[in-house]
Protein backbone atom coordinates (compact mmCIF):
# COMPACT_ATOMS: atom_id res chain seq x y z
CA MET A 1 0.00 0.00 0.00
CA ALA A 2 2.94 2.31 0.62
CA GLN A 3 4.17 1.80 -2.95
CA ASN A 4 0.75 2.05 -4.62
CA PRO A 5 -1.31 5.00 -3.39
CA TYR A 6 -4.36 3.77 -5.33
CA LEU A 7 -4.48 0.38 -3.59
CA HIS A 8 -7.39 -0.10 -1.20
CA VAL A 9 -7.99 -3.10 1.07
CA LEU A 10 -11.32 -4.55 2.21
CA VAL A 11 -11.41 -7.40 4.71
CA GLN A 12 -14.74 -9.18 5.15
CA SER A 13 -14.90 -11.63 8.03
CA GLY A 14 -17.47 -13.75 9.82
CA TYR A 15 -17.52 -13.38 13.60
CA TYR A 16 -17.70 -17.17 14.02
CA ASP A 17 -15.04 -18.11 11.47
CA GLY A 18 -12.75 -20.76 12.92
CA ALA A 19 -10.28 -20.76 10.01
CA CYS A 20 -9.67 -17.03 9.47
CA ASP A 21 -10.72 -15.61 12.77
CA TYR A 22 -12.21 -12.15 13.15
CA PHE A 23 -9.78 -10.81 15.75
CA ASN A 24 -6.72 -11.96 13.82
CA ALA A 25 -7.92 -10.07 10.75
CA LYS A 26 -8.52 -6.92 12.82
CA TYR A 27 -5.12 -7.28 14.48
CA ASN A 28 -3.36 -7.59 11.12
CA LEU A 29 -5.02 -4.41 9.87
CA TRP A 30 -3.94 -2.56 13.02
CA GLN A 31 -0.38 -3.80 12.58
CA MET A 32 -0.27 -2.73 8.93
CA ASP A 33 -1.06 0.86 9.82
CA PRO A 34 -0.16 1.72 13.42
CA GLY A 35 0.16 5.44 12.62
CA GLY A 36 -3.21 5.67 10.85
CA LYS A 37 -1.86 7.12 7.59
CA LEU A 38 -3.62 4.49 5.48
CA LYS A 39 -6.92 4.28 7.37
CA ASP A 40 -8.89 5.97 4.59
CA ARG A 41 -7.85 3.12 2.25
CA MET A 42 -8.41 0.21 4.65
CA SER A 43 -11.88 -1.17 5.37
CA PHE A 44 -13.12 -3.96 7.60
CA GLU A 45 -16.60 -5.47 7.69
CA GLY A 46 -17.77 -8.17 10.10
CA TYR A 47 -20.78 -10.45 9.69
CA ARG A 48 -22.82 -12.70 11.97
CA SER A 49 -21.71 -15.87 10.22
CA GLY A 50 -18.82 -18.27 9.95
CA HIS A 51 -16.23 -18.86 7.24
CA MET A 52 -18.71 -19.00 4.36
CA MET A 53 -20.61 -15.75 4.83
CA TYR A 54 -22.61 -16.23 1.65
CA LEU A 55 -24.56 -19.15 3.17
CA ARG A 56 -26.48 -16.79 5.48
CA LYS A 57 -28.80 -14.80 3.20
CA ASP A 58 -28.71 -11.62 5.30
CA ASP A 59 -24.91 -11.61 5.29
CA LEU A 60 -24.81 -12.35 1.56
CA ALA A 61 -26.91 -9.27 0.81
CA THR A 62 -24.99 -7.08 3.25
CA SER A 63 -21.56 -8.23 2.09
CA ASN A 64 -22.50 -7.67 -1.55
CA GLU A 65 -23.57 -4.11 -0.72
CA HIS A 66 -20.34 -3.51 1.21
CA LEU A 67 -18.35 -4.77 -1.77
CA ARG A 68 -20.22 -2.45 -4.14
CA GLN A 69 -19.52 0.52 -1.84
CA PHE A 70 -15.86 -0.46 -1.58
CA ILE A 71 -15.45 -0.60 -5.36
CA LEU A 72 -17.06 2.80 -5.82
CA LYS A 73 -14.91 4.29 -3.04
CA SER A 74 -11.74 2.78 -4.57
CA ILE A 75 -12.16 4.27 -8.02
CA PRO A 76 -10.04 7.43 -8.21
CA LYS A 77 -11.85 10.52 -9.37
CA GLU A 78 -10.64 12.02 -12.62
CA GLY A 79 -7.59 14.16 -12.08
CA GLN A 80 -7.18 13.00 -8.48
CA ALA A 81 -3.55 12.89 -7.44
CA ALA A 82 -2.08 10.25 -5.16
CA LYS A 83 -2.56 11.00 -1.45
CA TYR A 84 0.43 9.16 -0.04
């Protein structure tokens, strides 16, 4: 992210995921940016499901909407210079 100012990161995690646990994902994001310089390009969303969030219909709809918002937020506006 330090080398590419247009790179954004979205982490989607189920609260009850035993393989890729919620708190480990949060911890890794905190460790990537302890100073907070990249916080406007890092997003985290948690869902009331396990590893396969798409199996719970409510989480499927919510995660799809979060993904759409993330994509729109990640597209640089025309003429926008790098922030980093």
